[in-house]
Amino acid sequence: MLITFTGRKSGRQFTTPVRYIRDGETVRCFTSAENQWWRNLRGGADVVLRIEGRDARYHAHAVENDPEEIKQWLQYYLGLFPQDADYHDIRIDKDKNLSSEDLEIASRNAILVEARPAH
């Protein structure tokens, strides 16, 4: 997916690629708190998501201070995309289980971006 948003300070448009998951009409993705782009979504912002070659308008916001919600969705996300565990510094054991200790830490360092269709 490509997410296009407007920079709060610059007013310029930016586009960044991210892997995503859907939950009904809600689209979610993750990034590291170290990245800067998600800060443009604090408090909510209108964005354009390009999914499967189609652009649609959404309203997105960054979830940054709710480690339990982030943990829940991150665990679900990594169940679908275990290859991304390394990006979040989460070890996977030989039985393909996520390290619970690493997941706790990652839930405090990850940013969950949620987007819903704009009406």
Protein backbone atom coordinates (compact mmCIF):
# COMPACT_ATOMS: atom_id res chain seq x y z
CA MET A 1 0.00 0.00 0.00
CA LEU A 2 1.06 3.57 -0.57
CA ILE A 3 -0.04 6.22 1.92
CA THR A 4 -0.01 9.84 0.73
CA PHE A 5 -0.32 12.63 3.28
CA THR A 6 0.43 16.31 3.64
CA GLY A 7 3.32 17.47 5.78
CA ARG A 8 2.09 19.58 8.69
CA LYS A 9 4.95 22.06 8.53
CA SER A 10 5.90 22.01 4.86
CA GLY A 11 2.45 21.60 3.32
CA ARG A 12 4.10 19.27 0.79
CA GLN A 13 2.68 15.90 -0.15
CA PHE A 14 4.62 12.77 0.76
CA THR A 15 4.06 9.14 -0.17
CA THR A 16 5.47 6.16 1.67
CA PRO A 17 5.04 2.42 1.05
CA VAL A 18 3.82 0.24 3.93
CA ARG A 19 2.48 -3.25 4.43
CA TYR A 20 -1.12 -3.20 5.66
CA ILE A 21 -3.94 -5.24 7.11
CA ARG A 22 -7.67 -4.76 6.75
CA ASP A 23 -10.36 -5.10 9.37
CA GLY A 24 -13.66 -4.39 7.67
CA GLU A 25 -13.35 -0.84 6.30
CA THR A 26 -10.44 -0.03 8.61
CA VAL A 27 -6.91 -0.25 7.22
CA ARG A 28 -3.99 -0.55 9.63
CA CYS A 29 -0.23 -0.40 9.24
CA PHE A 30 2.79 -0.10 11.51
CA THR A 31 5.93 1.94 11.58
CA SER A 32 8.70 2.56 14.05
CA ALA A 33 8.45 5.54 16.37
CA GLU A 34 11.90 6.47 15.04
CA ASN A 35 10.43 7.21 11.62
CA GLN A 36 9.13 10.72 11.15
CA TRP A 37 6.27 10.43 8.65
CA TRP A 38 3.57 9.20 11.05
CA ARG A 39 3.81 12.42 13.08
CA ASN A 40 1.88 14.13 10.32
CA LEU A 41 -1.10 11.97 11.33
CA ARG A 42 -1.22 13.02 15.00
CA GLY A 43 -4.72 14.17 15.82
CA GLY A 44 -5.96 12.80 12.50
CA ALA A 45 -5.35 13.76 8.89
CA ASP A 46 -6.87 13.13 5.50
CA VAL A 47 -4.78 10.74 3.41
CA VAL A 48 -4.97 8.86 0.14
CA LEU A 49 -4.33 5.13 0.25
CA ARG A 50 -3.37 3.26 -2.92
CA ILE A 51 -4.39 -0.34 -2.40
CA GLU A 52 -4.23 -2.85 -5.23
CA GLY A 53 -3.72 -0.01 -7.72
CA ARG A 54 -6.74 2.03 -6.60
CA ASP A 55 -6.65 5.35 -4.78
CA ALA A 56 -9.22 6.15 -2.09
CA ARG A 57 -9.55 8.93 0.46
CA TYR A 58 -9.27 7.99 4.13
CA HIS A 59 -8.99 9.73 7.46
CA ALA A 60 -6.01 8.37 9.40
CA HIS A 61 -4.59 8.80 12.85
CA ALA A 62 -1.53 7.55 14.70
CA VAL A 63 -1.98 5.41 17.81
CA GLU A 64 1.15 6.05 19.85
CA ASN A 65 0.27 5.84 23.54
CA ASP A 66 -1.79 2.67 23.78
CA PRO A 67 0.66 -0.25 24.05
CA GLU A 68 -2.10 -2.79 24.69
CA GLU A 69 -3.96 -1.91 21.49
CA ILE A 70 -0.70 -1.74 19.56
CA LYS A 71 0.35 -5.12 20.97
CA GLN A 72 -2.97 -6.74 20.00
CA TRP A 73 -2.76 -5.55 16.39
CA LEU A 74 0.99 -6.11 16.09
CA GLN A 75 0.59 -9.73 17.19
CA TYR A 76 -2.20 -10.21 14.64
CA TYR A 77 -0.16 -8.48 11.92
CA LEU A 78 2.93 -10.58 12.60
CA GLY A 79 0.79 -13.71 12.49
CA LEU A 80 0.11 -12.77 8.86
CA PHE A 81 3.57 -11.37 8.08
CA PRO A 82 6.07 -13.12 10.36
CA GLN A 83 8.92 -11.96 8.12
CA ASP A 84 8.34 -8.43 9.51
CA ALA A 85 9.14 -9.51 13.09
CA ASP A 86 12.79 -8.66 12.53
CA TYR A 87 11.85 -5.08 11.58
CA HIS A 88 10.23 -4.75 15.01
CA ASP A 89 13.15 -6.51 16.78
CA ILE A 90 10.94 -9.44 17.77
CA ARG A 91 12.56 -12.87 17.89
CA ILE A 92 10.67 -15.94 16.69
CA ASP A 93 11.49 -19.29 18.25
CA LYS A 94 11.87 -22.59 16.43
CA ASP A 95 8.13 -23.26 16.86
CA LYS A 96 7.35 -19.93 15.13
CA ASN A 97 6.18 -18.23 18.36
CA LEU A 98 6.87 -14.55 18.94
CA SER A 99 9.01 -13.69 21.94
CA SER A 100 6.54 -12.23 24.47
CA GLU A 101 9.29 -10.10 25.99
CA ASP A 102 10.22 -8.65 22.60
CA LEU A 103 6.55 -8.10 21.76
CA GLU A 104 6.09 -6.06 24.95
CA ILE A 105 9.05 -3.85 24.06
CA ALA A 106 7.98 -3.52 20.42
CA SER A 107 4.47 -2.49 21.49
CA ARG A 108 6.00 0.53 23.20
CA ASN A 109 8.21 1.41 20.21
CA ALA A 110 5.79 0.81 17.33
CA ILE A 111 3.24 3.23 15.95
CA LEU A 112 -0.09 1.89 14.75
CA VAL A 113 -1.70 3.90 11.96
CA GLU A 114 -5.44 3.40 11.54
CA ALA A 115 -7.35 4.71 8.54
CA ARG A 116 -11.08 4.72 7.84
CA PRO A 117 -12.81 5.80 4.64
CA ALA A 118 -13.46 9.54 4.47
CA HIS A 119 -17.12 10.41 4.06
